[in-house]
Protein backbone atom coordinates (compact mmCIF):
# COMPACT_ATOMS: atom_id res chain seq x y z
CA MET A 1 9.26 4.15 -61.88
CA TYR A 2 11.39 6.50 -59.80
CA PHE A 3 13.24 5.78 -56.52
CA SER A 4 14.25 8.22 -54.00
CA ARG A 5 18.22 8.57 -53.39
CA ALA A 6 17.84 7.16 -49.88
CA THR A 7 16.16 4.02 -51.41
CA LEU A 8 18.58 3.53 -53.97
CA ARG A 9 21.45 3.86 -51.74
CA GLN A 10 19.68 0.91 -49.33
CA ILE A 11 19.59 -1.28 -52.59
CA PHE A 12 23.08 -0.67 -53.60
CA LEU A 13 24.23 -1.80 -50.10
CA ILE A 14 22.13 -4.95 -49.96
CA LEU A 15 23.63 -5.79 -53.21
CA VAL A 16 27.38 -5.21 -52.13
CA TRP A 17 26.73 -7.05 -48.54
CA SER A 18 25.31 -10.00 -50.42
CA HIS A 19 27.94 -10.50 -53.09
CA VAL A 20 30.52 -10.24 -50.05
CA ALA A 21 28.29 -12.83 -47.98
CA VAL A 22 28.43 -14.81 -50.76
CA ALA A 23 32.26 -14.76 -51.51
CA TYR A 24 33.44 -15.03 -47.81
CA VAL A 25 35.15 -18.46 -47.10
CA LYS A 26 36.04 -19.28 -43.30
CA PRO A 27 39.73 -19.93 -42.76
CA PRO A 28 41.33 -22.98 -41.36
CA THR A 29 41.74 -23.05 -37.57
CA ASN A 30 44.22 -24.76 -35.17
CA VAL A 31 46.96 -24.70 -37.60
CA THR A 32 50.02 -26.78 -36.34
CA LEU A 33 53.43 -28.33 -37.35
CA GLN A 34 55.25 -31.41 -35.73
CA CYS A 35 58.96 -31.61 -37.13
CA HIS A 36 61.64 -33.72 -35.74
CA ASN A 37 63.90 -36.48 -37.10
CA LEU A 38 63.48 -35.05 -40.76
CA HIS A 39 59.70 -35.81 -40.60
CA ASN A 40 57.45 -32.82 -40.80
CA VAL A 41 53.41 -32.75 -40.68
CA LEU A 42 51.22 -29.92 -41.04
CA SER A 43 47.77 -30.31 -39.67
CA TRP A 44 44.65 -28.00 -39.08
CA ASN A 45 40.80 -28.07 -38.22
CA TYR A 46 37.85 -27.20 -40.36
CA ASP A 47 34.31 -26.65 -39.02
CA LYS A 48 32.24 -27.23 -42.21
CA PHE A 49 32.99 -29.08 -45.12
CA SER A 50 31.49 -29.05 -48.67
CA PRO A 51 31.88 -30.95 -51.88
CA ASP A 52 34.13 -28.50 -53.77
CA LEU A 53 36.15 -27.43 -50.63
CA ARG A 54 40.10 -27.69 -50.95
CA PHE A 55 42.86 -26.39 -48.65
CA LYS A 56 46.08 -24.99 -50.24
CA VAL A 57 49.51 -24.72 -48.54
CA GLN A 58 51.62 -21.95 -49.36
CA ILE A 59 55.57 -22.46 -49.18
CA GLY A 60 58.29 -19.89 -48.90
CA SER A 61 61.97 -20.14 -47.99
CA THR A 62 65.08 -18.28 -47.35
CA LEU A 63 67.31 -20.32 -49.46
CA GLY A 64 65.11 -21.49 -52.46
CA LEU A 65 63.05 -24.64 -52.24
CA ASP A 66 65.47 -26.79 -54.70
CA GLY A 67 63.23 -27.53 -57.48
CA TYR A 68 60.24 -28.38 -54.90
CA PRO A 69 57.01 -26.62 -55.49
CA ASP A 70 55.68 -23.47 -53.46
CA GLU A 71 52.16 -24.73 -52.96
CA LEU A 72 50.53 -28.06 -52.03
CA TRP A 73 46.77 -28.82 -52.82
CA VAL A 74 44.91 -30.85 -50.12
CA GLU A 75 41.38 -32.45 -51.14
CA SER A 76 38.77 -32.37 -48.22
CA PRO A 77 38.13 -33.94 -45.67
CA ASN A 78 41.95 -34.47 -45.44
CA LEU A 79 42.99 -32.11 -42.81
CA LYS A 80 47.00 -32.55 -43.09
CA ALA A 81 49.79 -32.32 -45.17
CA ASP A 82 53.17 -34.19 -45.29
CA VAL A 83 56.06 -31.47 -45.95
CA SER A 84 58.99 -33.55 -44.67
CA PHE A 85 60.83 -32.40 -48.19
CA LEU A 86 61.47 -28.81 -46.07
CA SER A 87 64.35 -30.18 -44.06
CA LYS A 88 67.47 -28.72 -45.45
CA PRO A 89 69.26 -27.99 -42.01
CA ASN A 90 70.87 -24.66 -43.62
CA ASN A 91 67.55 -23.23 -44.51
CA ASP A 92 64.25 -21.43 -43.13
CA TYR A 93 60.78 -22.34 -44.15
CA TYR A 94 57.47 -20.61 -44.17
CA VAL A 95 53.94 -22.16 -44.39
CA VAL A 96 50.37 -20.78 -44.37
CA VAL A 97 47.05 -22.64 -45.13
CA THR A 98 44.02 -21.21 -46.91
CA ALA A 99 40.55 -22.81 -47.68
CA VAL A 100 39.39 -22.75 -51.28
CA LEU A 101 35.77 -22.84 -52.34
CA ASN A 102 34.60 -22.42 -55.92
CA GLY A 103 37.51 -20.46 -56.76
CA ILE A 104 37.19 -18.10 -53.58
CA GLU A 105 40.40 -18.39 -51.44
CA SER A 106 40.02 -17.73 -47.57
CA GLU A 107 42.41 -15.74 -45.45
CA GLY A 108 45.49 -17.13 -44.76
CA ALA A 109 45.88 -19.51 -41.39
CA PRO A 110 47.80 -18.69 -39.05
CA PRO A 111 47.80 -14.89 -39.81
CA ASP A 112 51.24 -14.81 -39.70
CA GLY A 113 52.16 -18.24 -40.96
CA ILE A 114 54.79 -20.61 -39.18
CA SER A 115 58.37 -20.20 -39.73
CA PHE A 116 60.65 -23.12 -38.99
CA SER A 117 63.78 -24.66 -39.47
CA TYR A 118 66.20 -27.20 -38.58
CA PHE A 119 69.24 -25.05 -38.18
CA LYS A 120 70.33 -24.70 -34.75
CA ASP A 121 71.05 -20.98 -34.71
CA SER A 122 67.80 -20.08 -36.73
CA PRO A 123 65.55 -16.91 -35.81
CA ALA A 124 62.68 -18.99 -37.07
CA MET A 125 59.49 -19.45 -34.68
CA GLN A 126 59.76 -23.41 -34.29
CA LYS A 127 63.35 -25.23 -33.82
CA CYS A 128 63.03 -28.75 -35.31
CA PHE A 129 65.20 -31.32 -33.75
CA VAL A 130 66.92 -34.68 -34.30
CA ASP A 131 66.70 -37.37 -31.66
CA LEU A 132 69.46 -39.28 -30.13
CA PRO A 133 69.57 -43.06 -31.00
CA PRO A 134 69.00 -45.66 -28.63
CA VAL A 135 72.24 -45.64 -26.12
CA ASN A 136 74.17 -48.38 -24.22
CA VAL A 137 75.95 -47.63 -21.13
CA THR A 138 77.84 -50.39 -19.61
CA ALA A 139 80.06 -50.67 -16.26
CA LEU A 140 83.41 -52.16 -16.85
CA PRO A 141 85.30 -53.99 -13.91
CA ASP A 142 88.25 -51.59 -14.32
CA ASN A 143 86.41 -48.38 -13.03
CA ASN A 144 85.62 -47.51 -16.73
CA ILE A 145 82.19 -47.35 -18.46
CA LEU A 146 81.54 -48.01 -22.06
CA LEU A 147 79.12 -45.64 -24.33
CA ARG A 148 77.99 -47.04 -27.28
CA PHE A 149 74.95 -46.04 -29.98
CA MET A 150 74.21 -45.63 -33.78
CA HIS A 151 75.28 -42.90 -35.81
CA PRO A 152 72.58 -40.47 -35.67
CA TRP A 153 72.39 -39.79 -39.66
CA LEU A 154 72.09 -43.82 -40.05
CA TYR A 155 69.24 -44.06 -37.47
CA LEU A 156 67.41 -40.69 -39.47
CA HIS A 157 67.48 -42.87 -42.71
CA LYS A 158 66.66 -45.90 -41.43
CA GLN A 159 63.41 -44.47 -39.68
CA ASN A 160 62.62 -42.64 -42.86
CA ARG A 161 63.49 -45.07 -45.20
CA SER A 162 59.78 -45.76 -46.48
CA ASN A 163 60.01 -42.21 -48.23
CA GLN A 164 61.54 -43.28 -51.39
CA LYS A 165 61.58 -40.16 -52.91
CA LEU A 166 63.24 -38.60 -50.05
CA LYS A 167 65.76 -41.06 -49.89
CA GLN A 168 66.61 -40.30 -53.36
CA LYS A 169 67.13 -36.69 -52.81
CA ARG A 170 69.23 -37.22 -50.14
CA HIS A 171 71.66 -39.74 -52.16
CA ASN A 172 73.03 -42.66 -50.26
CA ALA A 173 73.29 -42.14 -46.64
CA SER A 174 76.38 -44.25 -45.98
CA GLN A 175 78.28 -42.10 -48.61
CA ASP A 176 76.82 -38.81 -47.44
CA GLN A 177 77.23 -39.60 -43.68
CA PRO A 178 78.34 -36.35 -41.58
CA THR A 179 80.43 -36.16 -38.66
CA PHE A 180 78.37 -35.97 -35.28
CA ASN A 181 79.79 -33.85 -32.66
CA TYR A 182 78.61 -34.22 -29.20
CA ASP A 183 79.24 -33.70 -25.44
CA VAL A 184 79.11 -36.12 -22.41
CA ILE A 185 78.53 -35.06 -18.99
CA ILE A 186 79.12 -37.65 -16.36
CA ASN A 187 77.44 -37.50 -12.93
CA GLU A 188 77.17 -33.58 -13.70
CA THR A 189 81.08 -33.15 -13.26
CA MET A 190 83.22 -34.46 -16.06
CA HIS A 191 82.61 -33.35 -19.15
CA HIS A 192 83.80 -34.63 -22.66
CA THR A 193 83.65 -33.17 -25.88
CA LEU A 194 83.80 -36.13 -29.02
CA SER A 195 83.18 -36.73 -32.44
CA CYS A 196 81.97 -39.50 -34.74
CA VAL A 197 82.29 -40.50 -38.27
CA THR A 198 81.63 -44.49 -38.01
CA GLY A 199 78.63 -46.19 -38.03
CA VAL A 200 78.52 -46.90 -34.45
CA CYS A 201 79.82 -44.34 -31.97
CA GLU A 202 81.77 -45.77 -29.07
CA GLU A 203 83.87 -44.43 -26.33
CA LYS A 204 85.26 -45.54 -22.92
CA PHE A 205 85.25 -43.13 -20.01
CA PRO A 206 87.33 -43.68 -16.55
CA VAL A 207 85.10 -42.88 -13.50
CA GLU A 208 85.46 -42.54 -9.90
CA ALA A 209 85.69 -46.00 -8.04
CA ALA A 210 83.49 -44.61 -5.19
CA GLU A 211 80.58 -44.00 -7.25
CA GLU A 212 77.94 -47.00 -7.38
CA LYS A 213 75.99 -45.40 -10.23
CA HIS A 214 77.09 -43.08 -13.48
CA CYS A 215 74.39 -41.11 -15.37
CA LEU A 216 75.47 -39.66 -18.60
CA LYS A 217 73.71 -36.45 -20.19
CA ILE A 218 74.28 -36.27 -24.08
CA THR A 219 73.82 -33.31 -26.20
CA GLY A 220 75.15 -33.11 -29.84
CA GLU A 221 74.90 -31.41 -33.48
CA LEU A 222 74.48 -33.03 -36.77
CA LYS A 223 74.94 -30.82 -40.06
CA LYS A 224 73.97 -27.89 -37.83
CA MET A 225 70.91 -29.48 -36.84
CA PRO A 226 70.51 -29.89 -32.90
CA VAL A 227 70.43 -33.53 -31.19
CA ARG A 228 68.36 -33.90 -28.12
CA THR A 229 68.17 -36.61 -25.86
CA LYS A 230 65.05 -37.70 -24.17
CA GLN A 231 66.59 -38.91 -20.56
CA LEU A 232 69.58 -39.59 -18.97
CA TYR A 233 71.53 -42.62 -19.73
CA CYS A 234 72.68 -44.28 -16.14
CA THR A 235 74.48 -47.48 -15.45
CA MET A 236 73.43 -49.84 -12.50
CA PRO A 237 75.42 -50.71 -9.83
CA SER A 238 78.07 -53.28 -10.32
CA ALA A 239 78.57 -56.52 -8.00
CA GLU A 240 81.85 -55.03 -6.70
CA HIS A 241 80.17 -52.06 -5.27
CA MET A 242 77.49 -53.86 -3.45
CA SER A 243 77.75 -54.13 0.52
CA LYS A 244 78.55 -57.70 2.22
CA SER A 245 75.44 -57.52 3.80
CA ASN A 246 73.13 -57.38 0.50
CA ILE A 247 75.73 -60.23 -0.60
CA TYR A 248 74.67 -62.15 2.64
CA ILE A 249 70.84 -61.67 2.18
CA TYR A 250 71.17 -62.79 -1.47
CA ILE A 251 72.75 -65.48 -0.50
CA GLY A 252 70.66 -66.59 2.54
CA VAL A 253 67.49 -66.17 0.51
CA SER A 254 69.15 -68.67 -2.29
CA LEU A 255 69.95 -71.29 0.27
CA LEU A 256 66.49 -71.08 1.84
CA SER A 257 64.79 -71.44 -1.42
CA VAL A 258 66.88 -74.47 -2.31
CA SER A 259 66.14 -75.71 1.24
CA VAL A 260 62.31 -75.60 0.82
CA ALA A 261 62.43 -77.17 -2.70
CA VAL A 262 64.59 -80.04 -1.50
CA LEU A 263 62.23 -80.64 1.44
CA VAL A 264 58.99 -80.55 -0.66
CA LEU A 265 60.79 -83.02 -3.16
CA ILE A 266 61.43 -85.39 -0.10
CA MET A 267 57.98 -85.38 1.03
CA VAL A 268 56.49 -86.06 -2.51
CA TYR A 269 58.97 -88.88 -2.63
CA GLN A 270 57.85 -90.51 0.71
CA LYS A 271 54.18 -89.80 0.05
CA LYS A 272 54.55 -91.73 -3.67
CA THR A 273 56.92 -94.96 -1.98
CA ASN A 274 54.78 -94.96 1.52
CA PRO A 275 51.18 -93.92 0.75
CA THR A 276 50.49 -94.06 4.30
CA THR A 277 52.78 -91.26 5.40
CA PRO A 278 50.59 -88.27 5.46
CA LEU A 279 51.56 -85.17 3.98
CA PRO A 280 52.02 -81.65 5.88
CA ASP A 281 48.95 -79.75 6.27
CA PHE A 282 50.37 -76.95 3.60
CA MET A 283 50.37 -79.63 1.02
CA GLN A 284 46.94 -81.08 1.52
CA VAL A 285 44.41 -80.18 -1.12
CA LYS A 286 41.48 -77.96 -0.32
CA GLY A 287 39.12 -80.57 -0.94
CA GLN A 288 40.67 -83.10 1.49
CA THR A 289 40.83 -80.32 4.34
CA MET A 290 37.01 -79.64 3.79
CA GLN A 291 36.18 -83.27 3.94
CA ARG A 292 37.89 -83.85 7.28
CA MET A 293 36.23 -80.99 8.68
CA ALA A 294 32.90 -82.16 7.66
CA GLU A 295 33.59 -85.75 9.20
CA GLN A 296 34.68 -84.21 12.49
CA GLU A 297 31.54 -82.10 12.64
CA GLU A 298 29.43 -85.17 12.03
CA ILE A 299 31.08 -86.91 14.86
CA LEU A 300 30.56 -84.15 17.38
CA ASN A 301 26.75 -84.23 16.19
CA ASN A 302 26.43 -88.14 16.93
CA VAL A 303 28.07 -87.91 20.65
CA GLU A 304 25.19 -88.04 23.53
CA VAL A 305 25.97 -85.63 26.55
CA GLU A 306 25.65 -86.81 29.84
CA PRO A 307 25.36 -84.97 33.14
CA THR A 308 28.66 -85.34 35.06
CA SER A 309 27.71 -83.12 38.15
CA PRO A 310 28.70 -84.35 41.44
CA THR A 311 25.89 -83.02 43.37
CA PRO A 312 22.13 -84.47 42.60
CA LEU A 313 20.23 -81.81 41.08
CA LEU A 314 17.04 -82.56 43.54
CA PRO A 315 17.61 -83.32 47.28
CA GLU A 316 17.03 -86.88 48.52
CA LEU A 317 14.31 -87.03 50.67
CA PRO A 318 14.79 -88.94 54.41
CA PHE A 319 12.44 -91.40 53.95
CA ALA A 320 11.27 -93.39 51.11
CA SER A 321 7.89 -94.96 52.16
CA THR A 322 5.13 -96.46 50.06
CA PRO A 323 1.58 -95.10 50.99
CA SER A 324 -0.31 -97.82 52.75
CA THR A 325 -3.79 -99.25 52.04
CA ASP A 326 -4.40 -100.26 55.57
CA ASP A 327 -7.45 -98.56 56.91
CA ASP A 328 -6.71 -99.49 60.12
CA LEU A 329 -3.21 -97.74 60.68
CA ARG A 330 -3.57 -94.42 61.77
CA LEU A 331 -0.79 -92.20 63.15
CA PRO A 332 -1.15 -89.10 65.53
CA ILE A 333 -0.98 -85.73 63.81
CA GLY A 334 -0.19 -82.57 65.57
CA VAL A 335 1.71 -81.51 68.68
CA HIS A 336 0.70 -82.78 71.81
CA THR A 337 1.04 -81.35 75.25
CA GLU A 338 1.72 -82.90 78.68
CA ASP A 339 -2.24 -82.57 79.50
CA GLU A 340 -3.22 -84.67 76.29
CA GLY A 341 -1.70 -87.83 77.79
CA VAL A 342 1.64 -88.56 75.72
CA CYS A 343 3.87 -91.21 77.81
CA ASP A 344 7.46 -90.25 78.68
CA VAL A 345 9.97 -92.71 78.26
CA ASP A 346 11.59 -94.81 80.60
CA PRO A 347 15.24 -95.07 79.98
CA GLN A 348 15.56 -98.02 82.30
CA ASN A 349 13.03 -99.73 80.64
CA ASP A 350 14.02 -98.50 77.11
CA GLU A 351 10.41 -97.95 76.37
CA ARG A 352 10.16 -95.50 73.58
CA PRO A 353 7.08 -94.21 71.35
CA GLY A 354 5.96 -96.05 68.72
CA TYR A 355 6.92 -93.22 65.91
CA MET A 356 10.45 -91.90 66.33
CA PRO A 357 12.18 -90.17 63.55
CA GLY A 358 14.56 -92.46 61.38
CA HIS A 359 14.50 -95.28 63.94
CA ASN A 360 12.41 -98.62 64.68
CA LEU A 361 10.32 -98.39 61.56
CA GLU A 362 10.32 -102.20 60.96
CA GLU A 363 10.61 -103.52 64.76
CA ASP A 364 8.32 -106.34 65.68
CA GLU A 365 4.83 -105.23 67.40
CA THR A 366 5.34 -106.87 70.71
CA GLN A 367 8.25 -104.09 71.44
CA ASN A 368 5.60 -101.22 71.02
CA SER A 369 3.19 -102.45 73.26
CA ASN A 370 3.68 -100.02 75.84
CA GLY A 371 4.07 -97.00 73.00
CA GLY A 372 2.09 -93.89 73.02
CA TYR A 373 -0.13 -95.14 70.26
CA GLU A 374 -3.80 -96.49 70.42
CA LYS A 375 -3.98 -100.46 70.49
CA ARG A 376 -6.40 -102.08 68.83
CA PRO A 377 -7.50 -105.99 68.97
CA VAL A 378 -6.63 -107.86 65.75
CA LEU A 379 -7.54 -111.39 64.92
CA ALA A 380 -4.81 -113.63 63.49
CA GLU A 381 -5.49 -116.78 61.69
CA LEU A 382 -3.21 -119.76 62.98
CA GLY A 383 -4.78 -122.78 61.38
CA PRO A 384 -7.88 -124.34 59.97
CA ASP A 385 -10.99 -123.01 62.24
CA GLU A 386 -8.17 -121.70 64.51
CA LEU A 387 -8.10 -117.89 65.35
CA ALA A 388 -5.93 -116.09 68.05
CA GLU A 389 -6.15 -112.31 69.17
CA GLY A 390 -3.40 -109.96 69.18
CA TYR A 391 -2.75 -106.05 68.90
CA ARG A 392 -1.29 -103.72 66.31
CA GLY A 393 0.19 -100.56 67.64
C-alpha cells in the first residue's frame, strides 16, 4: 500500500499535534501573595480538576534558603501554600506555581514569577511589612502626652506563636529581641526620633497647651523591615480645655435628670401611700387611658339632645278654634259692598257686627242682637213642659 508524499505529511502532522494536545496542561491563574507580620500565603485559581492533578511551588532566593526546600507540593483541590518561612529580613525571594498532571508540568504562573522581600530597601516586586502594635496615647494634666505600645518584635511572635517550627527557627524571641527605631510626628509639626529595646515602648512628649487634640503619626524600622501604622493616634480633649459653656450644659443636664428622677419617685410614693391621688397623665398606662376614652364615648352616646332654639320652628296661629258641629251656625263668607246691606256701626250705641277679628268671640247673645248677621228663632227649655223662644246671632 503506497501513500503520496502529501498524505504522509498530513498523517505526520496529525500525530504530532495529537501528542502535543495530550501533553498540554493548563497553568494556574490569578497567583497572588499576601505577606505581612512575617506571615506569607501564596494562593491561585484553577479551572478544571482531575484526580492526578498536583501543584508545585518553585522557590528561589538571593541569599539561600537556610536549609528549607526549594519546592513545595500541594495536592488538589487545595489552592494555597503557606510560605511564612520565607521571611528573613535581609533576603529577597522568588516563587512561581505550576500544575502537574501525569508527570506533565504546565508553564509557570505568573510567567515572570513573584519576587518579594521584607527588606525595606529591596528592589523586589512586592514589599512586605510589619504592623505597629495597638497604641495608647494619653493626655497628661501638665501639657504632656504619654505614648505607650508593645515592642513590635514581641507582638509578632505573639501573633505567630501557633507555628511551632517558625518559633523554634527564630530561637527565643525575648533573647533575640532587636532594637525598634521609630519616628513620631505630633500634630504634623513636631518631629521626634526614638528607639525602644524594652518589652513595652513608652515615651512622654510636651505639647502646646492651646491644642485641644493631639494626633500622632508613627513610622518605624525593625531589623530593616518597615513598620507601618494603619491610622493616626489621637488624644481626646481634656476637661481643662473644655469651654465654660459646655461645662454649664453638662451641669444643667445633670441637674435636670436628677430633678426628674426625684419627681417621679415622689409621685410613685404618693400613689402608694394615698391611692386616691391620681398620677400625672404621662405616668398612666395605656390600658387605663383607652378605658377612660371608651367610658367618655359611651356617656356621650347616651345623652339625649333637646332643641334649645329661642324661636319656635312653626308660627303660632292667631286663633285656636275648635270646629263646631252646630249646623245652625253660619257665618258670612266673602267681601260685602254697601249695596248688600252691611250695617254700619254707631259709635254712640257701641253696636258692632257679630264678627270682629280677635274681639268679643265669647260675648252674650243679647249684645249681638243688632249685629249684621241673620237672627233665627231658637226654642229653649226652661222647665218641664215649659219652652221659651229666643234668637241666636
